[in-house]
Structures are given as structure tokens and as C-alpha cells.
């Protein structure tokens, strides 16, 4: 992961909120100071339906 990051393009993780299953991984990434974006599943499915 570190070989592909730079100051110009910070690494971000996007994950779907899946009950409590995403939480441990999100806390782990946060402890490593990564940018985390959590999206509700109904929002992402509606996004793909828009023209």
C-alpha cells in the first residue's frame, strides 16, 4: 500500500455499511490514519440506477 501512495493522491477506502461487519476494519484503518468513507447500501444502489 505504501508504495502506491503519495502526497498528491492520498489513499482512501470506501466501504459499504454492512451492519457491524465493517466496523472493526474501519477502526483499524482509522488507527493507521487512512481516509475512510462509509456508504449506506441503499445510497450506492440508487447511485448506479441514475442515468
N, C-alpha and C. Protein backbone atom coordinates (compact mmCIF):
# COMPACT_ATOMS: atom_id res chain seq x y z
N UNK A 1 0.83 -1.19 0.00
CA UNK A 1 0.00 0.00 0.00
C UNK A 1 0.87 1.25 0.00
N UNK A 2 1.89 1.28 0.82
CA UNK A 2 2.70 2.49 0.93
C UNK A 2 3.46 2.81 -0.35
N UNK A 3 3.75 1.83 -1.16
CA UNK A 3 4.50 2.07 -2.39
C UNK A 3 3.67 2.83 -3.41
N UNK A 4 2.35 2.79 -3.29
CA UNK A 4 1.48 3.41 -4.28
C UNK A 4 0.87 4.73 -3.82
N UNK A 5 1.23 5.21 -2.67
CA UNK A 5 0.65 6.45 -2.18
C UNK A 5 1.64 7.59 -2.33
N UNK A 6 1.12 8.79 -2.40
CA UNK A 6 1.95 9.98 -2.44
C UNK A 6 1.19 11.13 -1.82
N UNK A 7 1.86 12.24 -1.62
CA UNK A 7 1.21 13.41 -1.02
C UNK A 7 0.15 13.98 -1.94
N UNK A 8 0.31 13.81 -3.26
CA UNK A 8 -0.66 14.37 -4.21
C UNK A 8 -1.93 13.53 -4.31
N UNK A 9 -1.83 12.25 -4.07
CA UNK A 9 -3.01 11.38 -4.19
C UNK A 9 -3.12 10.47 -2.97
N UNK A 10 -3.75 10.97 -1.91
CA UNK A 10 -3.88 10.15 -0.70
C UNK A 10 -4.78 8.94 -0.93
N UNK A 11 -4.47 7.87 -0.27
CA UNK A 11 -5.25 6.64 -0.40
C UNK A 11 -6.52 6.75 0.43
N UNK A 12 -7.65 6.38 -0.18
CA UNK A 12 -8.94 6.40 0.51
C UNK A 12 -9.57 5.02 0.40
N UNK A 13 -10.28 4.65 1.44
CA UNK A 13 -11.01 3.38 1.44
C UNK A 13 -12.49 3.69 1.48
N UNK A 14 -13.24 3.09 0.57
CA UNK A 14 -14.69 3.25 0.53
C UNK A 14 -15.28 1.88 0.81
N UNK A 15 -16.19 1.83 1.78
CA UNK A 15 -16.82 0.56 2.10
C UNK A 15 -18.30 0.74 2.35
N UNK A 16 -19.01 -0.32 2.12
CA UNK A 16 -20.45 -0.33 2.35
C UNK A 16 -20.71 -0.65 3.81
N UNK A 17 -21.62 0.08 4.41
CA UNK A 17 -22.02 -0.19 5.79
C UNK A 17 -22.83 -1.48 5.81
N UNK A 18 -22.27 -2.51 6.44
CA UNK A 18 -22.92 -3.82 6.45
C UNK A 18 -23.16 -4.24 7.90
N UNK A 19 -24.14 -3.65 8.52
CA UNK A 19 -24.40 -3.96 9.92
C UNK A 19 -23.21 -3.55 10.76
N UNK A 20 -22.65 -4.49 11.50
CA UNK A 20 -21.47 -4.20 12.31
C UNK A 20 -20.20 -4.79 11.69
N UNK A 21 -20.33 -5.45 10.55
CA UNK A 21 -19.21 -6.18 9.97
C UNK A 21 -18.09 -5.26 9.47
N UNK A 22 -18.39 -4.06 9.09
CA UNK A 22 -17.37 -3.14 8.57
C UNK A 22 -16.63 -2.40 9.69
N UNK A 23 -17.16 -2.40 10.89
CA UNK A 23 -16.65 -1.53 11.95
C UNK A 23 -15.21 -1.84 12.36
N UNK A 24 -14.87 -3.09 12.58
CA UNK A 24 -13.51 -3.42 13.01
C UNK A 24 -12.48 -3.00 11.97
N UNK A 25 -12.79 -3.25 10.72
CA UNK A 25 -11.86 -2.87 9.66
C UNK A 25 -11.75 -1.35 9.56
N UNK A 26 -12.87 -0.65 9.72
CA UNK A 26 -12.85 0.81 9.68
C UNK A 26 -12.02 1.38 10.83
N UNK A 27 -12.16 0.82 12.02
CA UNK A 27 -11.36 1.28 13.16
C UNK A 27 -9.87 0.99 12.94
N UNK A 28 -9.58 -0.16 12.36
CA UNK A 28 -8.18 -0.49 12.05
C UNK A 28 -7.59 0.53 11.09
N UNK A 29 -8.31 0.82 10.00
CA UNK A 29 -7.82 1.78 9.02
C UNK A 29 -7.67 3.17 9.64
N UNK A 30 -8.61 3.54 10.48
CA UNK A 30 -8.53 4.84 11.15
C UNK A 30 -7.30 4.91 12.05
N UNK A 31 -6.98 3.83 12.72
CA UNK A 31 -5.79 3.81 13.59
C UNK A 31 -4.51 3.98 12.79
N UNK A 32 -4.56 3.61 11.51
CA UNK A 32 -3.41 3.80 10.61
C UNK A 32 -3.47 5.14 9.88
N UNK A 33 -4.47 5.96 10.23
CA UNK A 33 -4.66 7.31 9.69
C UNK A 33 -5.03 7.34 8.21
N UNK A 34 -5.76 6.32 7.75
CA UNK A 34 -6.26 6.33 6.39
C UNK A 34 -7.61 7.05 6.34
N UNK A 35 -7.92 7.60 5.20
CA UNK A 35 -9.21 8.25 4.97
C UNK A 35 -10.23 7.16 4.68
N UNK A 36 -11.35 7.17 5.40
CA UNK A 36 -12.37 6.14 5.27
C UNK A 36 -13.69 6.80 4.89
N UNK A 37 -14.37 6.21 3.92
CA UNK A 37 -15.68 6.67 3.51
C UNK A 37 -16.62 5.48 3.62
N UNK A 38 -17.66 5.61 4.43
CA UNK A 38 -18.63 4.53 4.61
C UNK A 38 -19.94 4.96 3.98
N UNK A 39 -20.46 4.12 3.10
CA UNK A 39 -21.66 4.45 2.35
C UNK A 39 -22.77 3.46 2.71
N UNK A 40 -23.98 3.98 2.87
CA UNK A 40 -25.13 3.11 3.12
C UNK A 40 -25.47 2.35 1.84
N UNK A 41 -25.84 1.10 1.99
CA UNK A 41 -26.08 0.24 0.83
C UNK A 41 -27.20 0.77 -0.07
N UNK A 42 -28.25 1.34 0.50
CA UNK A 42 -29.34 1.86 -0.34
C UNK A 42 -28.89 3.09 -1.13
N UNK A 43 -27.94 3.84 -0.64
CA UNK A 43 -27.44 5.01 -1.37
C UNK A 43 -26.60 4.59 -2.57
N UNK A 44 -25.77 3.60 -2.41
CA UNK A 44 -24.91 3.17 -3.51
C UNK A 44 -25.73 2.47 -4.59
N UNK A 45 -26.74 1.70 -4.22
CA UNK A 45 -27.55 1.03 -5.24
C UNK A 45 -28.36 2.05 -6.03
N UNK A 46 -28.83 3.11 -5.39
CA UNK A 46 -29.56 4.16 -6.10
C UNK A 46 -28.63 4.95 -7.01
N UNK A 47 -27.39 5.09 -6.64
CA UNK A 47 -26.43 5.82 -7.47
C UNK A 47 -26.26 5.16 -8.83
N UNK A 48 -26.18 3.84 -8.85
CA UNK A 48 -25.98 3.13 -10.11
C UNK A 48 -27.24 3.12 -10.98
N UNK A 49 -28.37 3.44 -10.42
CA UNK A 49 -29.62 3.47 -11.19
C UNK A 49 -29.85 4.82 -11.87
N UNK A 50 -29.13 5.84 -11.47
CA UNK A 50 -29.33 7.17 -12.06
C UNK A 50 -28.69 7.22 -13.44
N UNK A 51 -29.36 7.90 -14.38
CA UNK A 51 -28.81 7.98 -15.75
C UNK A 51 -27.62 8.90 -15.84
